[in-house]
């Protein structure tokens, strides 16, 4: 694949229609899911000492659900997606930090003045 083709495909992958899903309706409620996309591409060309040419490239795309717009009776509300793994990891990190601080405070209070 040529480098310019790779860049074109990258740009095509990062369009708004990839961020928002097709609306889904049931029982008078419409849901439009949304995601965060990030991506990039890179490539290059080169020539060796024998005059041979070559080119190469790569492309990466990351998509993460962020939530959904919910439409009921003409009113729109945003329902964020909750990343439970991230929530648990953050709570664990806070608990460990609190434990270290508590141990440090106990050691400082135990020292004679």
C-alpha atoms as a PDB file:
ATOM      1  CA  UNK A   1       0.000   0.000   0.000  1.00  0.00           C
ATOM      2  CA  UNK A   2       1.316   3.427  -0.896  1.00  0.00           C
ATOM      3  CA  UNK A   3       1.846   6.011   1.841  1.00  0.00           C
ATOM      4  CA  UNK A   4      -0.751   8.429   0.426  1.00  0.00           C
ATOM      5  CA  UNK A   5      -3.328   5.600   0.377  1.00  0.00           C
ATOM      6  CA  UNK A   6      -2.528   4.816   4.009  1.00  0.00           C
ATOM      7  CA  UNK A   7      -3.035   8.441   5.046  1.00  0.00           C
ATOM      8  CA  UNK A   8      -6.338   8.600   3.158  1.00  0.00           C
ATOM      9  CA  UNK A   9      -7.582   5.444   4.910  1.00  0.00           C
ATOM     10  CA  UNK A  10      -6.538   6.891   8.263  1.00  0.00           C
ATOM     11  CA  UNK A  11      -8.503  10.072   7.651  1.00  0.00           C
ATOM     12  CA  UNK A  12     -11.538   8.072   6.488  1.00  0.00           C
ATOM     13  CA  UNK A  13     -11.454   6.024   9.712  1.00  0.00           C
ATOM     14  CA  UNK A  14     -11.603   9.095  11.947  1.00  0.00           C
ATOM     15  CA  UNK A  15     -14.883  10.589  10.734  1.00  0.00           C
ATOM     16  CA  UNK A  16     -17.824  11.640  12.917  1.00  0.00           C
ATOM     17  CA  UNK A  17     -19.941   8.761  11.614  1.00  0.00           C
ATOM     18  CA  UNK A  18     -17.500   6.402  13.309  1.00  0.00           C
ATOM     19  CA  UNK A  19     -17.954   8.203  16.649  1.00  0.00           C
ATOM     20  CA  UNK A  20     -21.759   8.026  16.802  1.00  0.00           C
ATOM     21  CA  UNK A  21     -23.674   4.800  16.203  1.00  0.00           C
ATOM     22  CA  UNK A  22     -26.854   4.652  14.182  1.00  0.00           C
ATOM     23  CA  UNK A  23     -29.827   5.657  16.358  1.00  0.00           C
ATOM     24  CA  UNK A  24     -31.636   2.718  17.941  1.00  0.00           C
ATOM     25  CA  UNK A  25     -35.297   3.153  18.837  1.00  0.00           C
ATOM     26  CA  UNK A  26     -37.550   0.981  20.956  1.00  0.00           C
ATOM     27  CA  UNK A  27     -40.751   1.791  22.842  1.00  0.00           C
ATOM     28  CA  UNK A  28     -40.445   5.517  22.073  1.00  0.00           C
ATOM     29  CA  UNK A  29     -36.887   5.799  23.412  1.00  0.00           C
ATOM     30  CA  UNK A  30     -34.032   6.577  21.037  1.00  0.00           C
ATOM     31  CA  UNK A  31     -30.428   5.755  21.964  1.00  0.00           C
ATOM     32  CA  UNK A  32     -27.362   7.031  20.101  1.00  0.00           C
ATOM     33  CA  UNK A  33     -24.153   5.453  21.374  1.00  0.00           C
ATOM     34  CA  UNK A  34     -20.931   7.468  21.243  1.00  0.00           C
ATOM     35  CA  UNK A  35     -17.252   6.566  21.364  1.00  0.00           C
ATOM     36  CA  UNK A  36     -13.903   8.297  21.546  1.00  0.00           C
ATOM     37  CA  UNK A  37     -11.607   7.520  18.633  1.00  0.00           C
ATOM     38  CA  UNK A  38      -7.906   8.154  18.304  1.00  0.00           C
ATOM     39  CA  UNK A  39      -5.516   6.963  15.711  1.00  0.00           C
ATOM     40  CA  UNK A  40      -2.586   7.704  13.571  1.00  0.00           C
ATOM     41  CA  UNK A  41      -0.426   6.525  10.773  1.00  0.00           C
ATOM     42  CA  UNK A  42       3.131   6.819   9.717  1.00  0.00           C
ATOM     43  CA  UNK A  43       5.380   5.717   6.990  1.00  0.00           C
ATOM     44  CA  UNK A  44       8.465   6.399   5.048  1.00  0.00           C
ATOM     45  CA  UNK A  45      10.533   5.614   2.021  1.00  0.00           C
ATOM     46  CA  UNK A  46      14.186   4.887   1.621  1.00  0.00           C
ATOM     47  CA  UNK A  47      16.961   3.845  -0.694  1.00  0.00           C
ATOM     48  CA  UNK A  48      19.932   1.621   0.085  1.00  0.00           C
ATOM     49  CA  UNK A  49      23.504   1.892  -1.167  1.00  0.00           C
ATOM     50  CA  UNK A  50      22.635  -0.264  -4.211  1.00  0.00           C
ATOM     51  CA  UNK A  51      19.917   2.164  -5.292  1.00  0.00           C
ATOM     52  CA  UNK A  52      17.019  -0.094  -4.335  1.00  0.00           C
ATOM     53  CA  UNK A  53      13.966   1.717  -3.070  1.00  0.00           C
ATOM     54  CA  UNK A  54      11.378   0.658  -0.523  1.00  0.00           C
ATOM     55  CA  UNK A  55       8.533   2.067   1.477  1.00  0.00           C
ATOM     56  CA  UNK A  56       6.478   1.043   4.459  1.00  0.00           C
ATOM     57  CA  UNK A  57       3.864   2.288   6.818  1.00  0.00           C
ATOM     58  CA  UNK A  58       1.485   1.484   9.577  1.00  0.00           C
ATOM     59  CA  UNK A  59      -1.868   2.512  10.961  1.00  0.00           C
ATOM     60  CA  UNK A  60      -3.460   2.244  14.378  1.00  0.00           C
ATOM     61  CA  UNK A  61      -6.946   3.023  15.648  1.00  0.00           C
ATOM     62  CA  UNK A  62      -8.253   2.977  19.212  1.00  0.00           C
ATOM     63  CA  UNK A  63     -11.959   3.195  20.043  1.00  0.00           C
ATOM     64  CA  UNK A  64     -13.456   3.453  23.528  1.00  0.00           C
ATOM     65  CA  UNK A  65     -17.144   3.764  24.411  1.00  0.00           C
ATOM     66  CA  UNK A  66     -17.888   7.024  26.209  1.00  0.00           C
ATOM     67  CA  UNK A  67     -21.653   6.926  26.635  1.00  0.00           C
ATOM     68  CA  UNK A  68     -24.937   7.445  24.860  1.00  0.00           C
ATOM     69  CA  UNK A  69     -27.485  10.132  24.146  1.00  0.00           C
ATOM     70  CA  UNK A  70     -30.923   8.984  25.264  1.00  0.00           C
ATOM     71  CA  UNK A  71     -33.944  10.757  23.794  1.00  0.00           C
ATOM     72  CA  UNK A  72     -37.280  10.354  25.581  1.00  0.00           C
ATOM     73  CA  UNK A  73     -40.350  12.522  24.973  1.00  0.00           C
ATOM     74  CA  UNK A  74     -38.267  15.038  23.029  1.00  0.00           C
ATOM     75  CA  UNK A  75     -35.759  15.487  25.875  1.00  0.00           C
ATOM     76  CA  UNK A  76     -32.112  14.512  25.457  1.00  0.00           C
ATOM     77  CA  UNK A  77     -29.896  13.312  28.291  1.00  0.00           C
ATOM     78  CA  UNK A  78     -26.339  12.024  28.327  1.00  0.00           C
ATOM     79  CA  UNK A  79     -25.624   8.673  29.973  1.00  0.00           C
ATOM     80  CA  UNK A  80     -21.856   8.222  30.432  1.00  0.00           C
ATOM     81  CA  UNK A  81     -20.282   4.794  30.027  1.00  0.00           C
ATOM     82  CA  UNK A  82     -18.646   3.628  33.237  1.00  0.00           C
ATOM     83  CA  UNK A  83     -15.315   1.849  32.951  1.00  0.00           C
ATOM     84  CA  UNK A  84     -15.539  -0.464  35.963  1.00  0.00           C
ATOM     85  CA  UNK A  85     -11.942  -1.686  35.590  1.00  0.00           C
ATOM     86  CA  UNK A  86     -10.610   1.870  35.694  1.00  0.00           C
ATOM     87  CA  UNK A  87     -12.860   2.684  38.645  1.00  0.00           C
ATOM     88  CA  UNK A  88     -11.640  -0.331  40.639  1.00  0.00           C
ATOM     89  CA  UNK A  89      -7.993   0.403  39.789  1.00  0.00           C
ATOM     90  CA  UNK A  90      -8.349   4.032  40.887  1.00  0.00           C
ATOM     91  CA  UNK A  91     -10.072   3.049  44.143  1.00  0.00           C
ATOM     92  CA  UNK A  92      -7.317   0.509  44.824  1.00  0.00           C
ATOM     93  CA  UNK A  93      -4.584   3.087  44.202  1.00  0.00           C
ATOM     94  CA  UNK A  94      -6.283   5.578  46.533  1.00  0.00           C
ATOM     95  CA  UNK A  95      -6.629   2.905  49.237  1.00  0.00           C
ATOM     96  CA  UNK A  96      -2.950   1.960  48.988  1.00  0.00           C
ATOM     97  CA  UNK A  97      -1.886   5.620  49.108  1.00  0.00           C
ATOM     98  CA  UNK A  98      -4.093   6.167  52.180  1.00  0.00           C
ATOM     99  CA  UNK A  99      -2.515   3.126  53.842  1.00  0.00           C
ATOM    100  CA  UNK A 100       1.012   4.466  53.244  1.00  0.00           C
ATOM    101  CA  UNK A 101       0.026   7.886  54.623  1.00  0.00           C
ATOM    102  CA  UNK A 102      -1.581   6.292  57.698  1.00  0.00           C
ATOM    103  CA  UNK A 103       1.535   4.188  58.394  1.00  0.00           C
ATOM    104  CA  UNK A 104       3.734   7.268  58.042  1.00  0.00           C
ATOM    105  CA  UNK A 105       1.542   9.265  60.448  1.00  0.00           C
ATOM    106  CA  UNK A 106       1.626   6.445  63.029  1.00  0.00           C
ATOM    107  CA  UNK A 107       5.441   6.253  62.761  1.00  0.00           C
ATOM    108  CA  UNK A 108       5.792  10.021  63.169  1.00  0.00           C
ATOM    109  CA  UNK A 109       3.537  10.051  66.250  1.00  0.00           C
ATOM    110  CA  UNK A 110       5.452   7.126  67.767  1.00  0.00           C
ATOM    111  CA  UNK A 111       8.797   8.956  67.629  1.00  0.00           C
ATOM    112  CA  UNK A 112       9.898  10.531  70.924  1.00  0.00           C
ATOM    113  CA  UNK A 113      10.197  14.287  70.914  1.00  0.00           C
END
